[in-house]
Amino acid sequence: MSSARRHPRSTTPPTTAARGIPPADVDRAADALLREGQRPTIEKVRQKIGRGSPNTINPLLDAWWSRLAGRLDAGPAAL
């Protein structure tokens, strides 16, 4: 039997570049899609950025969604 312990997957949103894609790139792409009247999805953000795997973009986009309500509450200047 192996004594290696499994570590639970972190649920903390990434704050630094994940595998070469800065979170700011995902934020800008998602914001642009929203301004265009489109729902930001992993595939649409990926197309807008022009690179990145769904596994890389997913946690960054989840973090963007979790911050969106606060930005909306803060008013137009926050957007």
C-alpha atoms as a PDB file:
ATOM      1  CA  MET A   1       0.000   0.000   0.000  1.00  0.00           C
ATOM      2  CA  SER A   2       1.110   3.486  -0.729  1.00  0.00           C
ATOM      3  CA  SER A   3       1.382   5.955   2.113  1.00  0.00           C
ATOM      4  CA  ALA A   4       1.089   8.937  -0.237  1.00  0.00           C
ATOM      5  CA  ARG A   5      -1.631  11.330   0.822  1.00  0.00           C
ATOM      6  CA  ARG A   6      -3.970  12.870  -1.650  1.00  0.00           C
ATOM      7  CA  HIS A   7      -4.410  16.594  -1.437  1.00  0.00           C
ATOM      8  CA  PRO A   8      -7.863  17.994  -2.092  1.00  0.00           C
ATOM      9  CA  ARG A   9      -8.230  20.200  -5.118  1.00  0.00           C
ATOM     10  CA  SER A  10      -7.989  23.856  -4.221  1.00  0.00           C
ATOM     11  CA  THR A  11     -11.148  25.906  -4.639  1.00  0.00           C
ATOM     12  CA  THR A  12      -9.296  29.192  -4.335  1.00  0.00           C
ATOM     13  CA  PRO A  13      -9.514  31.185  -7.577  1.00  0.00           C
ATOM     14  CA  PRO A  14      -6.179  31.613  -9.312  1.00  0.00           C
ATOM     15  CA  THR A  15      -4.579  35.011  -8.910  1.00  0.00           C
ATOM     16  CA  THR A  16      -1.530  34.508 -11.091  1.00  0.00           C
ATOM     17  CA  ALA A  17      -1.046  33.335 -14.622  1.00  0.00           C
ATOM     18  CA  ALA A  18      -2.283  29.782 -14.938  1.00  0.00           C
ATOM     19  CA  ARG A  19      -0.243  27.838 -17.455  1.00  0.00           C
ATOM     20  CA  GLY A  20       0.726  30.972 -19.320  1.00  0.00           C
ATOM     21  CA  ILE A  21      -2.659  32.702 -19.498  1.00  0.00           C
ATOM     22  CA  PRO A  22      -2.852  35.759 -17.263  1.00  0.00           C
ATOM     23  CA  PRO A  23      -6.185  36.096 -15.449  1.00  0.00           C
ATOM     24  CA  ALA A  24      -6.439  39.631 -16.849  1.00  0.00           C
ATOM     25  CA  ASP A  25      -6.615  38.180 -20.388  1.00  0.00           C
ATOM     26  CA  VAL A  26      -9.604  36.045 -19.421  1.00  0.00           C
ATOM     27  CA  ASP A  27     -11.196  39.008 -17.622  1.00  0.00           C
ATOM     28  CA  ARG A  28     -10.829  41.258 -20.678  1.00  0.00           C
ATOM     29  CA  ALA A  29     -12.176  38.587 -23.030  1.00  0.00           C
ATOM     30  CA  ALA A  30     -15.174  37.855 -20.780  1.00  0.00           C
ATOM     31  CA  ASP A  31     -15.904  41.579 -20.380  1.00  0.00           C
ATOM     32  CA  ALA A  32     -15.736  42.060 -24.153  1.00  0.00           C
ATOM     33  CA  LEU A  33     -18.105  39.159 -24.761  1.00  0.00           C
ATOM     34  CA  LEU A  34     -20.553  40.537 -22.216  1.00  0.00           C
ATOM     35  CA  ARG A  35     -20.439  43.975 -23.888  1.00  0.00           C
ATOM     36  CA  GLU A  36     -21.195  42.240 -27.209  1.00  0.00           C
ATOM     37  CA  GLY A  37     -24.312  40.733 -25.642  1.00  0.00           C
ATOM     38  CA  GLN A  38     -22.863  37.229 -25.458  1.00  0.00           C
ATOM     39  CA  ARG A  39     -22.597  34.921 -22.468  1.00  0.00           C
ATOM     40  CA  PRO A  40     -18.920  34.359 -21.665  1.00  0.00           C
ATOM     41  CA  THR A  41     -18.276  30.617 -21.935  1.00  0.00           C
ATOM     42  CA  ILE A  42     -15.043  28.691 -21.835  1.00  0.00           C
ATOM     43  CA  GLU A  43     -15.054  28.171 -25.606  1.00  0.00           C
ATOM     44  CA  LYS A  44     -15.965  31.779 -26.443  1.00  0.00           C
ATOM     45  CA  VAL A  45     -13.275  33.133 -24.112  1.00  0.00           C
ATOM     46  CA  ARG A  46     -10.789  30.673 -25.621  1.00  0.00           C
ATOM     47  CA  GLN A  47     -11.648  31.885 -29.124  1.00  0.00           C
ATOM     48  CA  LYS A  48     -11.369  35.531 -28.068  1.00  0.00           C
ATOM     49  CA  ILE A  49      -7.945  34.997 -26.464  1.00  0.00           C
ATOM     50  CA  GLY A  50      -6.773  32.744 -29.267  1.00  0.00           C
ATOM     51  CA  ARG A  51      -5.178  30.121 -27.024  1.00  0.00           C
ATOM     52  CA  GLY A  52      -5.562  28.105 -23.847  1.00  0.00           C
ATOM     53  CA  SER A  53      -7.108  24.824 -22.915  1.00  0.00           C
ATOM     54  CA  PRO A  54     -10.559  24.557 -21.375  1.00  0.00           C
ATOM     55  CA  ASN A  55      -8.945  23.176 -18.207  1.00  0.00           C
ATOM     56  CA  THR A  56      -6.833  26.318 -17.917  1.00  0.00           C
ATOM     57  CA  ILE A  57      -9.573  28.801 -18.762  1.00  0.00           C
ATOM     58  CA  ASN A  58     -12.304  27.225 -16.624  1.00  0.00           C
ATOM     59  CA  PRO A  59     -11.036  28.256 -13.144  1.00  0.00           C
ATOM     60  CA  LEU A  60     -10.119  31.719 -14.427  1.00  0.00           C
ATOM     61  CA  LEU A  61     -13.601  32.188 -15.896  1.00  0.00           C
ATOM     62  CA  ASP A  62     -15.192  30.870 -12.691  1.00  0.00           C
ATOM     63  CA  ALA A  63     -13.252  33.522 -10.773  1.00  0.00           C
ATOM     64  CA  TRP A  64     -14.460  36.195 -13.230  1.00  0.00           C
ATOM     65  CA  TRP A  65     -18.095  35.099 -12.703  1.00  0.00           C
ATOM     66  CA  SER A  66     -17.688  35.207  -8.918  1.00  0.00           C
ATOM     67  CA  ARG A  67     -16.405  38.796  -9.072  1.00  0.00           C
ATOM     68  CA  LEU A  68     -19.039  40.025 -11.538  1.00  0.00           C
ATOM     69  CA  ALA A  69     -21.833  40.616  -8.999  1.00  0.00           C
ATOM     70  CA  GLY A  70     -19.574  42.809  -6.874  1.00  0.00           C
ATOM     71  CA  ARG A  71     -18.557  44.803  -9.911  1.00  0.00           C
ATOM     72  CA  LEU A  72     -22.206  45.310 -10.888  1.00  0.00           C
ATOM     73  CA  ASP A  73     -23.073  46.418  -7.356  1.00  0.00           C
ATOM     74  CA  ALA A  74     -20.221  48.923  -7.432  1.00  0.00           C
ATOM     75  CA  GLY A  75     -21.793  50.718 -10.383  1.00  0.00           C
ATOM     76  CA  PRO A  76     -20.771  51.598 -13.933  1.00  0.00           C
ATOM     77  CA  ALA A  77     -17.332  52.882 -12.970  1.00  0.00           C
ATOM     78  CA  ALA A  78     -16.327  49.380 -11.806  1.00  0.00           C
ATOM     79  CA  LEU A  79     -17.124  47.941 -15.187  1.00  0.00           C
END
